[in-house]
Amino acid sequence: MRSTGILRSWNDERGFGFIAPTHGGAELFVHISAFPRDGSRPAVGETLSYELGRGKDGKPQAVNVVRSAVGRAPPQTSPRPQNRSWLGRGLVLCLVVAVSVWGYGRFQASTHRRQLESLPPAAAEPFAAPQPTSTAEPSFRCDGRTHCSQMTSCAEATWFINHCPGTQMDGNHDGVPCERQWCTGPGAR
């Protein structure tokens, strides 16, 4: 059974107050949870309709409170258009797909770049076989090769240890590279 009363006091920080019933009697406790969740706050002096219930402590309190000035709050609806055009949805979908493809391409490019950066210098640069020339100066170039197994002649190995940094072809540091493989014998140089 519903009763009416006037909100005599309200503590907004703690979320409770007291209702003075219109039919008389002791003031009745009311908690904020008994009010509809419409976003408005209770105001002292307003008329309320309520049902009598019991609190956690077993004492009587007001439940299912309706503010007489406000009444029951209508259900909240979001103001969004009901009829969206297929063209608008299609454009949004195309935009999402385009951004996804662009992002995936950037990801692939950065992955490929990281893979190339992690390779040793000899693998990162294409191998160029030395071209035989008729001039006295050989046409070798520093291309990242550092070991005897990567050379094709004693002349090439000798040029590499004299002109390229980081070579590992002269184990005994006597100036003669690849002594076991290319530069053996008296006329090897």
N, C-alpha and C. Protein backbone atom coordinates (compact mmCIF):
# COMPACT_ATOMS: atom_id res chain seq x y z
N MET A 1 0.84 -1.17 0.00
CA MET A 1 0.00 0.00 0.00
C MET A 1 0.89 1.24 0.00
N ARG A 2 0.57 2.18 -0.85
CA ARG A 2 1.38 3.40 -0.99
C ARG A 2 0.91 4.45 0.00
N SER A 3 1.89 5.18 0.50
CA SER A 3 1.62 6.30 1.42
C SER A 3 2.29 7.53 0.87
N THR A 4 1.94 8.68 1.42
CA THR A 4 2.57 9.93 0.99
C THR A 4 3.20 10.62 2.19
N GLY A 5 4.15 11.51 1.90
CA GLY A 5 4.79 12.26 2.95
C GLY A 5 5.63 13.38 2.35
N ILE A 6 6.23 14.16 3.22
CA ILE A 6 7.06 15.28 2.81
C ILE A 6 8.49 15.00 3.28
N LEU A 7 9.45 15.22 2.38
CA LEU A 7 10.85 15.02 2.73
C LEU A 7 11.28 16.15 3.66
N ARG A 8 11.48 15.83 4.97
CA ARG A 8 11.80 16.84 5.98
C ARG A 8 13.29 17.15 6.05
N SER A 9 14.14 16.14 5.83
CA SER A 9 15.59 16.38 5.88
C SER A 9 16.26 15.46 4.86
N TRP A 10 17.42 15.93 4.38
CA TRP A 10 18.17 15.14 3.39
C TRP A 10 19.66 15.44 3.53
N ASN A 11 20.47 14.38 3.66
CA ASN A 11 21.93 14.49 3.71
C ASN A 11 22.45 13.97 2.36
N ASP A 12 22.76 14.90 1.48
CA ASP A 12 23.16 14.50 0.12
C ASP A 12 24.50 13.77 0.10
N GLU A 13 25.40 14.12 1.02
CA GLU A 13 26.71 13.47 1.04
C GLU A 13 26.60 12.00 1.45
N ARG A 14 25.70 11.71 2.38
CA ARG A 14 25.55 10.34 2.87
C ARG A 14 24.43 9.59 2.16
N GLY A 15 23.57 10.30 1.42
CA GLY A 15 22.54 9.66 0.62
C GLY A 15 21.34 9.12 1.40
N PHE A 16 20.91 9.85 2.40
CA PHE A 16 19.70 9.44 3.11
C PHE A 16 19.02 10.65 3.71
N GLY A 17 17.76 10.44 4.15
CA GLY A 17 16.98 11.50 4.78
C GLY A 17 15.80 10.90 5.52
N PHE A 18 14.84 11.80 5.89
CA PHE A 18 13.67 11.36 6.64
C PHE A 18 12.42 11.98 6.04
N ILE A 19 11.36 11.17 5.98
CA ILE A 19 10.06 11.59 5.44
C ILE A 19 9.09 11.72 6.61
N ALA A 20 8.31 12.83 6.61
CA ALA A 20 7.23 13.01 7.58
C ALA A 20 5.95 12.54 6.90
N PRO A 21 5.36 11.41 7.35
CA PRO A 21 4.14 10.91 6.71
C PRO A 21 2.99 11.90 6.85
N THR A 22 2.16 12.05 5.82
CA THR A 22 1.03 12.98 5.86
C THR A 22 -0.07 12.48 6.79
N HIS A 23 -0.18 11.21 7.02
CA HIS A 23 -1.20 10.67 7.92
C HIS A 23 -0.76 10.70 9.38
N GLY A 24 0.44 11.24 9.64
CA GLY A 24 0.93 11.37 11.02
C GLY A 24 1.83 10.21 11.39
N GLY A 25 2.48 10.35 12.51
CA GLY A 25 3.36 9.30 13.00
C GLY A 25 4.82 9.75 12.95
N ALA A 26 5.69 8.85 13.33
CA ALA A 26 7.13 9.14 13.38
C ALA A 26 7.70 9.29 11.97
N GLU A 27 8.76 10.10 11.90
CA GLU A 27 9.44 10.26 10.60
C GLU A 27 10.02 8.92 10.17
N LEU A 28 10.08 8.73 8.84
CA LEU A 28 10.49 7.45 8.27
C LEU A 28 11.79 7.62 7.51
N PHE A 29 12.74 6.74 7.75
CA PHE A 29 14.04 6.76 7.08
C PHE A 29 13.85 6.45 5.59
N VAL A 30 14.63 7.14 4.73
CA VAL A 30 14.63 6.86 3.30
C VAL A 30 16.07 6.93 2.79
N HIS A 31 16.46 5.94 2.01
CA HIS A 31 17.81 5.88 1.44
C HIS A 31 17.74 6.27 -0.04
N ILE A 32 18.85 6.77 -0.59
CA ILE A 32 18.90 7.20 -2.00
C ILE A 32 18.56 6.06 -2.95
N SER A 33 18.83 4.83 -2.54
CA SER A 33 18.54 3.68 -3.41
C SER A 33 17.05 3.46 -3.60
N ALA A 34 16.21 4.06 -2.76
CA ALA A 34 14.76 3.92 -2.89
C ALA A 34 14.20 4.83 -3.97
N PHE A 35 14.98 5.83 -4.41
CA PHE A 35 14.53 6.78 -5.43
C PHE A 35 14.82 6.24 -6.83
N PRO A 36 14.03 6.67 -7.83
CA PRO A 36 14.34 6.25 -9.21
C PRO A 36 15.68 6.85 -9.65
N ARG A 37 16.36 6.14 -10.48
CA ARG A 37 17.68 6.59 -10.96
C ARG A 37 17.51 7.44 -12.21
N ASP A 38 16.95 8.62 -12.02
CA ASP A 38 16.71 9.52 -13.15
C ASP A 38 17.70 10.66 -13.20
N GLY A 39 18.65 10.67 -12.28
CA GLY A 39 19.70 11.70 -12.29
C GLY A 39 19.36 12.89 -11.43
N SER A 40 18.12 13.02 -10.96
CA SER A 40 17.77 14.17 -10.12
C SER A 40 17.97 13.80 -8.66
N ARG A 41 18.24 14.82 -7.85
CA ARG A 41 18.49 14.61 -6.43
C ARG A 41 17.23 15.01 -5.65
N PRO A 42 16.93 14.34 -4.54
CA PRO A 42 15.78 14.70 -3.70
C PRO A 42 15.96 16.10 -3.11
N ALA A 43 14.86 16.80 -2.91
CA ALA A 43 14.90 18.16 -2.35
C ALA A 43 14.01 18.21 -1.11
N VAL A 44 14.52 18.85 -0.07
CA VAL A 44 13.77 18.99 1.18
C VAL A 44 12.48 19.77 0.89
N GLY A 45 11.36 19.27 1.41
CA GLY A 45 10.08 19.94 1.26
C GLY A 45 9.21 19.37 0.15
N GLU A 46 9.73 18.49 -0.67
CA GLU A 46 8.90 17.95 -1.75
C GLU A 46 8.05 16.79 -1.26
N THR A 47 6.92 16.61 -1.95
CA THR A 47 5.99 15.54 -1.60
C THR A 47 6.42 14.25 -2.29
N LEU A 48 6.39 13.15 -1.53
CA LEU A 48 6.82 11.86 -2.03
C LEU A 48 5.73 10.82 -1.82
N SER A 49 5.68 9.86 -2.70
CA SER A 49 4.83 8.69 -2.55
C SER A 49 5.77 7.51 -2.33
N TYR A 50 5.44 6.60 -1.40
CA TYR A 50 6.36 5.52 -1.07
C TYR A 50 5.59 4.31 -0.58
N GLU A 51 6.30 3.20 -0.50
CA GLU A 51 5.78 1.99 0.12
C GLU A 51 6.57 1.76 1.38
N LEU A 52 5.95 1.11 2.34
CA LEU A 52 6.61 0.84 3.59
C LEU A 52 7.36 -0.49 3.48
N GLY A 53 8.63 -0.46 3.86
CA GLY A 53 9.45 -1.66 3.82
C GLY A 53 10.32 -1.75 5.06
N ARG A 54 11.20 -2.71 5.08
CA ARG A 54 12.11 -2.91 6.22
C ARG A 54 13.55 -2.77 5.73
N GLY A 55 14.39 -2.13 6.53
CA GLY A 55 15.80 -1.97 6.20
C GLY A 55 16.60 -3.19 6.63
N LYS A 56 17.90 -3.14 6.45
CA LYS A 56 18.78 -4.25 6.85
C LYS A 56 18.75 -4.49 8.35
N ASP A 57 18.51 -3.41 9.07
CA ASP A 57 18.46 -3.54 10.53
C ASP A 57 17.07 -3.95 11.03
N GLY A 58 16.10 -4.15 10.14
CA GLY A 58 14.76 -4.57 10.51
C GLY A 58 13.82 -3.43 10.82
N LYS A 59 14.31 -2.19 10.82
CA LYS A 59 13.48 -1.04 11.12
C LYS A 59 12.70 -0.63 9.87
N PRO A 60 11.51 0.01 10.07
CA PRO A 60 10.73 0.44 8.90
C PRO A 60 11.44 1.57 8.15
N GLN A 61 11.31 1.53 6.83
CA GLN A 61 11.86 2.59 5.99
C GLN A 61 11.05 2.68 4.70
N ALA A 62 11.21 3.79 3.98
CA ALA A 62 10.48 4.01 2.73
C ALA A 62 11.22 3.30 1.60
N VAL A 63 10.45 2.63 0.71
CA VAL A 63 11.00 1.97 -0.48
C VAL A 63 10.15 2.34 -1.68
N ASN A 64 10.67 2.12 -2.88
CA ASN A 64 9.95 2.42 -4.13
C ASN A 64 9.38 3.83 -4.12
N VAL A 65 10.21 4.82 -3.83
CA VAL A 65 9.79 6.21 -3.72
C VAL A 65 9.55 6.81 -5.10
N VAL A 66 8.44 7.58 -5.19
CA VAL A 66 8.13 8.33 -6.41
C VAL A 66 7.97 9.79 -6.00
N ARG A 67 8.69 10.66 -6.68
CA ARG A 67 8.61 12.09 -6.40
C ARG A 67 7.35 12.62 -7.08
N SER A 68 6.44 13.20 -6.32
CA SER A 68 5.15 13.65 -6.84
C SER A 68 5.31 14.74 -7.89
N ALA A 69 6.26 15.63 -7.70
CA ALA A 69 6.45 16.71 -8.67
C ALA A 69 7.04 16.18 -9.97
N VAL A 70 7.76 15.10 -9.86
CA VAL A 70 8.43 14.56 -11.04
C VAL A 70 7.65 13.40 -11.62
N GLY A 71 7.04 12.57 -10.77
CA GLY A 71 6.37 11.37 -11.24
C GLY A 71 7.40 10.33 -11.61
N ARG A 72 6.98 9.30 -12.27
CA ARG A 72 7.92 8.27 -12.70
C ARG A 72 8.72 8.78 -13.89
N ALA A 73 9.98 8.57 -13.84
CA ALA A 73 10.86 9.03 -14.91
C ALA A 73 10.64 8.17 -16.15
N PRO A 74 10.51 8.79 -17.31
CA PRO A 74 10.38 7.99 -18.53
C PRO A 74 11.68 7.26 -18.80
N PRO A 75 11.61 6.11 -19.46
CA PRO A 75 12.85 5.40 -19.76
C PRO A 75 13.77 6.26 -20.62
N GLN A 76 15.04 6.21 -20.28
CA GLN A 76 16.03 7.00 -21.01
C GLN A 76 16.28 6.39 -22.38
N THR A 77 16.21 7.21 -23.40
CA THR A 77 16.51 6.76 -24.76
C THR A 77 17.62 7.61 -25.30
N SER A 78 18.44 7.01 -26.09
CA SER A 78 19.53 7.78 -26.68
C SER A 78 19.04 8.41 -27.98
N PRO A 79 19.36 9.66 -28.19
CA PRO A 79 18.89 10.34 -29.40
C PRO A 79 19.75 9.95 -30.60
N ARG A 80 19.46 8.81 -31.19
CA ARG A 80 20.21 8.41 -32.37
C ARG A 80 19.22 8.17 -33.49
N PRO A 81 19.61 8.47 -34.68
CA PRO A 81 18.70 8.31 -35.81
C PRO A 81 18.35 6.84 -36.04
N GLN A 82 17.09 6.60 -36.35
CA GLN A 82 16.63 5.23 -36.58
C GLN A 82 16.97 4.74 -37.98
N ASN A 83 16.93 5.62 -38.95
CA ASN A 83 17.15 5.21 -40.34
C ASN A 83 18.49 5.75 -40.84
N ARG A 84 19.49 4.97 -40.69
CA ARG A 84 20.79 5.37 -41.25
C ARG A 84 20.85 4.86 -42.68
N SER A 85 21.41 5.67 -43.51
CA SER A 85 21.47 5.27 -44.92
C SER A 85 22.54 4.20 -45.11
N TRP A 86 22.32 3.35 -46.09
CA TRP A 86 23.30 2.31 -46.41
C TRP A 86 24.58 2.93 -46.95
N LEU A 87 24.43 4.08 -47.60
CA LEU A 87 25.61 4.76 -48.13
C LEU A 87 26.53 5.19 -46.98
N GLY A 88 25.97 5.74 -45.92
CA GLY A 88 26.78 6.15 -44.77
C GLY A 88 27.47 4.98 -44.12
N ARG A 89 26.76 3.87 -43.95
CA ARG A 89 27.36 2.68 -43.37
C ARG A 89 28.45 2.12 -44.27
N GLY A 90 28.21 2.15 -45.57
CA GLY A 90 29.21 1.66 -46.52
C GLY A 90 30.47 2.50 -46.50
N LEU A 91 30.31 3.83 -46.40
CA LEU A 91 31.48 4.70 -46.34
C LEU A 91 32.30 4.45 -45.07
N VAL A 92 31.61 4.27 -43.96
CA VAL A 92 32.33 3.98 -42.71
C VAL A 92 33.07 2.66 -42.83
N LEU A 93 32.42 1.65 -43.38
CA LEU A 93 33.07 0.35 -43.55
C LEU A 93 34.29 0.46 -44.47
N CYS A 94 34.15 1.18 -45.58
CA CYS A 94 35.28 1.37 -46.50
C CYS A 94 36.44 2.09 -45.81
N LEU A 95 36.12 3.08 -45.01
CA LEU A 95 37.16 3.81 -44.29
C LEU A 95 37.90 2.89 -43.31
N VAL A 96 37.15 2.07 -42.60
CA VAL A 96 37.77 1.14 -41.65
C VAL A 96 38.67 0.14 -42.39
N VAL A 97 38.20 -0.38 -43.52
CA VAL A 97 39.01 -1.33 -44.29
C VAL A 97 40.26 -0.65 -44.83
N ALA A 98 40.13 0.57 -45.35
CA ALA A 98 41.29 1.28 -45.90
C ALA A 98 42.34 1.54 -44.82
N VAL A 99 41.91 1.97 -43.66
CA VAL A 99 42.86 2.22 -42.57
C VAL A 99 43.52 0.92 -42.14
N SER A 100 42.76 -0.16 -42.10
CA SER A 100 43.33 -1.46 -41.72
C SER A 100 44.38 -1.93 -42.73
N VAL A 101 44.10 -1.79 -44.01
CA VAL A 101 45.04 -2.21 -45.05
C VAL A 101 46.30 -1.35 -44.98
N TRP A 102 46.12 -0.05 -44.80
CA TRP A 102 47.27 0.85 -44.71
C TRP A 102 48.14 0.47 -43.50
N GLY A 103 47.50 0.23 -42.34
CA GLY A 103 48.25 -0.14 -41.14
C GLY A 103 48.97 -1.46 -41.30
N TYR A 104 48.32 -2.44 -41.95
CA TYR A 104 48.95 -3.74 -42.16
C TYR A 104 50.17 -3.59 -43.09
N GLY A 105 50.06 -2.76 -44.12
CA GLY A 105 51.19 -2.52 -45.02
C GLY A 105 52.37 -1.89 -44.29
N ARG A 106 52.07 -0.93 -43.41
CA ARG A 106 53.15 -0.31 -42.63
C ARG A 106 53.80 -1.32 -41.69
N PHE A 107 52.99 -2.19 -41.12
CA PHE A 107 53.51 -3.24 -40.24
C PHE A 107 54.42 -4.17 -41.02
N GLN A 108 54.00 -4.60 -42.21
CA GLN A 108 54.81 -5.51 -43.02
C GLN A 108 56.13 -4.84 -43.42
N ALA A 109 56.07 -3.56 -43.80
CA ALA A 109 57.29 -2.85 -44.21
C ALA A 109 58.26 -2.74 -43.04
N SER A 110 57.76 -2.43 -41.86
CA SER A 110 58.66 -2.30 -40.72
C SER A 110 59.24 -3.66 -40.33
N THR A 111 58.45 -4.72 -40.46
CA THR A 111 58.95 -6.06 -40.17
C THR A 111 60.05 -6.44 -41.15
N HIS A 112 59.84 -6.15 -42.43
CA HIS A 112 60.85 -6.45 -43.45
C HIS A 112 62.12 -5.65 -43.19
N ARG A 113 61.97 -4.38 -42.83
CA ARG A 113 63.13 -3.53 -42.56
C ARG A 113 63.91 -4.08 -41.36
N ARG A 114 63.21 -4.51 -40.29
CA ARG A 114 63.89 -5.07 -39.13
C ARG A 114 64.63 -6.36 -39.50
N GLN A 115 64.05 -7.17 -40.38
CA GLN A 115 64.71 -8.40 -40.80
C GLN A 115 66.00 -8.07 -41.55
N LEU A 116 65.94 -7.08 -42.44
CA LEU A 116 67.14 -6.70 -43.19
C LEU A 116 68.22 -6.14 -42.27
N GLU A 117 67.80 -5.35 -41.26
CA GLU A 117 68.77 -4.76 -40.35
C GLU A 117 69.43 -5.82 -39.47
N SER A 118 68.75 -6.93 -39.23
CA SER A 118 69.31 -7.96 -38.37
C SER A 118 70.28 -8.89 -39.12
N LEU A 119 70.30 -8.83 -40.45
CA LEU A 119 71.21 -9.66 -41.23
C LEU A 119 72.63 -9.12 -41.14
N PRO A 120 73.64 -9.99 -41.22
CA PRO A 120 75.02 -9.49 -41.26
C PRO A 120 75.23 -8.72 -42.56
N PRO A 121 76.23 -7.84 -42.60
CA PRO A 121 76.43 -7.00 -43.78
C PRO A 121 76.60 -7.79 -45.08
N ALA A 122 77.24 -8.94 -45.03
CA ALA A 122 77.45 -9.71 -46.27
C ALA A 122 76.14 -10.21 -46.83
N ALA A 123 75.18 -10.57 -45.96
CA ALA A 123 73.90 -11.07 -46.45
C ALA A 123 72.99 -9.94 -46.87
N ALA A 124 73.16 -8.76 -46.31
CA ALA A 124 72.29 -7.64 -46.64
C ALA A 124 72.60 -7.07 -48.01
N GLU A 125 73.86 -7.09 -48.40
CA GLU A 125 74.23 -6.55 -49.71
C GLU A 125 74.36 -7.69 -50.71
N PRO A 126 73.95 -7.46 -51.92
CA PRO A 126 74.08 -8.53 -52.91
C PRO A 126 75.55 -8.83 -53.21
N PHE A 127 75.86 -10.10 -53.41
CA PHE A 127 77.23 -10.51 -53.71
C PHE A 127 77.56 -10.14 -55.15
N ALA A 128 78.67 -9.48 -55.31
CA ALA A 128 79.12 -9.13 -56.65
C ALA A 128 80.44 -9.84 -56.89
N ALA A 129 80.46 -10.76 -57.82
CA ALA A 129 81.68 -11.48 -58.15
C ALA A 129 82.66 -10.53 -58.81
N PRO A 130 83.94 -10.63 -58.45
CA PRO A 130 84.92 -9.74 -59.08
C PRO A 130 85.03 -10.02 -60.57
N GLN A 131 85.11 -8.94 -61.31
CA GLN A 131 85.24 -9.05 -62.77
C GLN A 131 86.73 -9.02 -63.14
N PRO A 132 87.17 -9.97 -63.95
CA PRO A 132 88.58 -9.93 -64.38
C PRO A 132 88.82 -8.72 -65.28
N THR A 133 89.94 -8.06 -65.04
CA THR A 133 90.31 -6.91 -65.87
C THR A 133 91.73 -7.10 -66.37
N SER A 134 92.03 -6.37 -67.37
CA SER A 134 93.36 -6.47 -67.95
C SER A 134 94.32 -5.46 -67.34
N THR A 135 93.83 -4.54 -66.53
CA THR A 135 94.71 -3.55 -65.92
C THR A 135 95.42 -4.16 -64.73
N ALA A 136 96.44 -3.51 -64.25
CA ALA A 136 97.23 -4.01 -63.14
C ALA A 136 96.46 -3.92 -61.82
N GLU A 137 95.59 -2.92 -61.67
CA GLU A 137 94.81 -2.74 -60.44
C GLU A 137 93.59 -3.65 -60.48
N PRO A 138 93.45 -4.60 -59.55
CA PRO A 138 92.28 -5.49 -59.56
C PRO A 138 91.01 -4.70 -59.23
N SER A 139 89.85 -5.18 -59.66
CA SER A 139 88.59 -4.46 -59.44
C SER A 139 87.80 -5.10 -58.30
N PHE A 140 88.40 -5.18 -57.13
CA PHE A 140 87.70 -5.70 -55.96
C PHE A 140 87.05 -4.55 -55.22
N ARG A 141 86.05 -4.88 -54.40
CA ARG A 141 85.45 -3.85 -53.54
C ARG A 141 85.06 -4.49 -52.21
N CYS A 142 85.08 -3.70 -51.16
CA CYS A 142 84.69 -4.18 -49.84
C CYS A 142 83.18 -4.41 -49.83
N ASP A 143 82.80 -5.66 -49.72
CA ASP A 143 81.37 -5.98 -49.76
C ASP A 143 80.93 -6.79 -48.55
N GLY A 144 81.70 -6.74 -47.48
CA GLY A 144 81.30 -7.41 -46.25
C GLY A 144 81.89 -8.79 -46.07
N ARG A 145 82.58 -9.34 -47.06
CA ARG A 145 83.17 -10.66 -46.91
C ARG A 145 84.39 -10.54 -46.01
N THR A 146 84.59 -11.50 -45.10
CA THR A 146 85.68 -11.41 -44.13
C THR A 146 86.48 -12.68 -43.97
N HIS A 147 86.04 -13.80 -44.55
CA HIS A 147 86.70 -15.08 -44.35
C HIS A 147 87.27 -15.64 -45.65
N CYS A 148 88.26 -16.53 -45.52
CA CYS A 148 88.92 -17.15 -46.67
C CYS A 148 87.94 -17.95 -47.52
N SER A 149 86.97 -18.57 -46.89
CA SER A 149 86.00 -19.39 -47.64
C SER A 149 85.15 -18.53 -48.58
N GLN A 150 85.16 -17.22 -48.41
CA GLN A 150 84.40 -16.33 -49.26
C GLN A 150 85.22 -15.76 -50.41
N MET A 151 86.51 -16.05 -50.45
CA MET A 151 87.41 -15.51 -51.47
C MET A 151 87.52 -16.50 -52.64
N THR A 152 87.99 -15.98 -53.78
CA THR A 152 88.16 -16.83 -54.97
C THR A 152 89.61 -16.92 -55.41
N SER A 153 90.51 -16.11 -54.80
CA SER A 153 91.93 -16.18 -55.17
C SER A 153 92.77 -15.57 -54.06
N CYS A 154 94.08 -15.80 -54.16
CA CYS A 154 95.00 -15.21 -53.20
C CYS A 154 95.06 -13.69 -53.38
N ALA A 155 94.99 -13.23 -54.64
CA ALA A 155 95.05 -11.79 -54.91
C ALA A 155 93.84 -11.09 -54.27
N GLU A 156 92.69 -11.72 -54.39
CA GLU A 156 91.48 -11.14 -53.81
C GLU A 156 91.60 -11.09 -52.29
N ALA A 157 92.06 -12.15 -51.65
CA ALA A 157 92.21 -12.20 -50.21
C ALA A 157 93.22 -11.15 -49.74
N THR A 158 94.33 -11.00 -50.47
CA THR A 158 95.35 -10.02 -50.12
C THR A 158 94.78 -8.60 -50.21
N TRP A 159 94.03 -8.32 -51.26
CA TRP A 159 93.42 -6.99 -51.44
C TRP A 159 92.45 -6.71 -50.27
N PHE A 160 91.66 -7.72 -49.89
CA PHE A 160 90.68 -7.54 -48.82
C PHE A 160 91.35 -7.22 -47.48
N ILE A 161 92.44 -7.93 -47.11
CA ILE A 161 93.04 -7.64 -45.80
C ILE A 161 93.74 -6.29 -45.79
N ASN A 162 94.15 -5.78 -46.97
CA ASN A 162 94.81 -4.48 -47.04
C ASN A 162 93.84 -3.31 -47.15
N HIS A 163 92.62 -3.54 -47.62
CA HIS A 163 91.70 -2.43 -47.88
C HIS A 163 90.38 -2.47 -47.10
N CYS A 164 90.00 -3.59 -46.54
CA CYS A 164 88.68 -3.71 -45.91
C CYS A 164 88.83 -3.96 -44.41
N PRO A 165 88.05 -3.28 -43.59
CA PRO A 165 88.12 -3.48 -42.14
C PRO A 165 87.42 -4.78 -41.72
N GLY A 166 87.86 -5.35 -40.61
CA GLY A 166 87.20 -6.49 -40.01
C GLY A 166 87.45 -7.82 -40.68
N THR A 167 88.45 -7.93 -41.54
CA THR A 167 88.72 -9.23 -42.17
C THR A 167 89.36 -10.17 -41.17
N GLN A 168 89.13 -11.46 -41.34
CA GLN A 168 89.65 -12.48 -40.43
C GLN A 168 90.34 -13.56 -41.25
N MET A 169 91.33 -13.15 -42.08
CA MET A 169 91.96 -14.08 -43.00
C MET A 169 93.45 -14.23 -42.75
N ASP A 170 94.01 -13.52 -41.77
CA ASP A 170 95.44 -13.61 -41.50
C ASP A 170 95.60 -14.00 -40.03
N GLY A 171 95.47 -15.29 -39.74
CA GLY A 171 95.47 -15.77 -38.36
C GLY A 171 96.78 -15.54 -37.63
N ASN A 172 97.91 -15.63 -38.32
CA ASN A 172 99.20 -15.47 -37.64
C ASN A 172 99.76 -14.06 -37.81
N HIS A 173 99.03 -13.17 -38.43
CA HIS A 173 99.39 -11.75 -38.59
C HIS A 173 100.75 -11.54 -39.28
N ASP A 174 100.99 -12.36 -40.29
CA ASP A 174 102.26 -12.20 -41.03
C ASP A 174 102.04 -11.46 -42.35
N GLY A 175 100.84 -11.00 -42.62
CA GLY A 175 100.54 -10.26 -43.84
C GLY A 175 100.15 -11.15 -45.01
N VAL A 176 100.18 -12.47 -44.86
CA VAL A 176 99.81 -13.39 -45.92
C VAL A 176 98.46 -14.01 -45.53
N PRO A 177 97.38 -13.70 -46.27
CA PRO A 177 96.06 -14.22 -45.91
C PRO A 177 95.84 -15.63 -46.48
N CYS A 178 94.94 -16.33 -45.91
CA CYS A 178 94.45 -17.61 -46.43
C CYS A 178 95.59 -18.56 -46.80
N GLU A 179 96.54 -18.76 -45.90
CA GLU A 179 97.71 -19.57 -46.20
C GLU A 179 97.37 -21.04 -46.40
N ARG A 180 96.32 -21.53 -45.83
CA ARG A 180 95.95 -22.92 -45.99
C ARG A 180 95.11 -23.16 -47.25
N GLN A 181 94.48 -22.12 -47.76
CA GLN A 181 93.55 -22.32 -48.88
C GLN A 181 94.05 -21.69 -50.17
N TRP A 182 94.29 -20.38 -50.21
CA TRP A 182 94.62 -19.69 -51.46
C TRP A 182 96.09 -19.31 -51.59
N CYS A 183 96.70 -18.84 -50.56
CA CYS A 183 98.04 -18.29 -50.68
C CYS A 183 99.08 -19.29 -50.15
N THR A 184 99.23 -20.42 -50.81
CA THR A 184 100.21 -21.44 -50.43
C THR A 184 101.27 -21.53 -51.49
N GLY A 185 102.43 -21.90 -51.12
CA GLY A 185 103.50 -22.08 -52.11
C GLY A 185 104.24 -20.80 -52.36
N PRO A 186 105.40 -20.90 -53.11
CA PRO A 186 106.27 -19.76 -53.29
C PRO A 186 105.68 -18.66 -54.16
N GLY A 187 104.93 -18.92 -55.16
CA GLY A 187 104.41 -17.86 -56.07
C GLY A 187 102.97 -17.55 -55.87
N ALA A 188 102.46 -17.77 -54.70
CA ALA A 188 101.02 -17.59 -54.46
C ALA A 188 100.59 -16.14 -54.46
N ARG A 189 101.43 -15.24 -54.11
CA ARG A 189 101.05 -13.84 -54.05
C ARG A 189 100.98 -13.34 -55.44
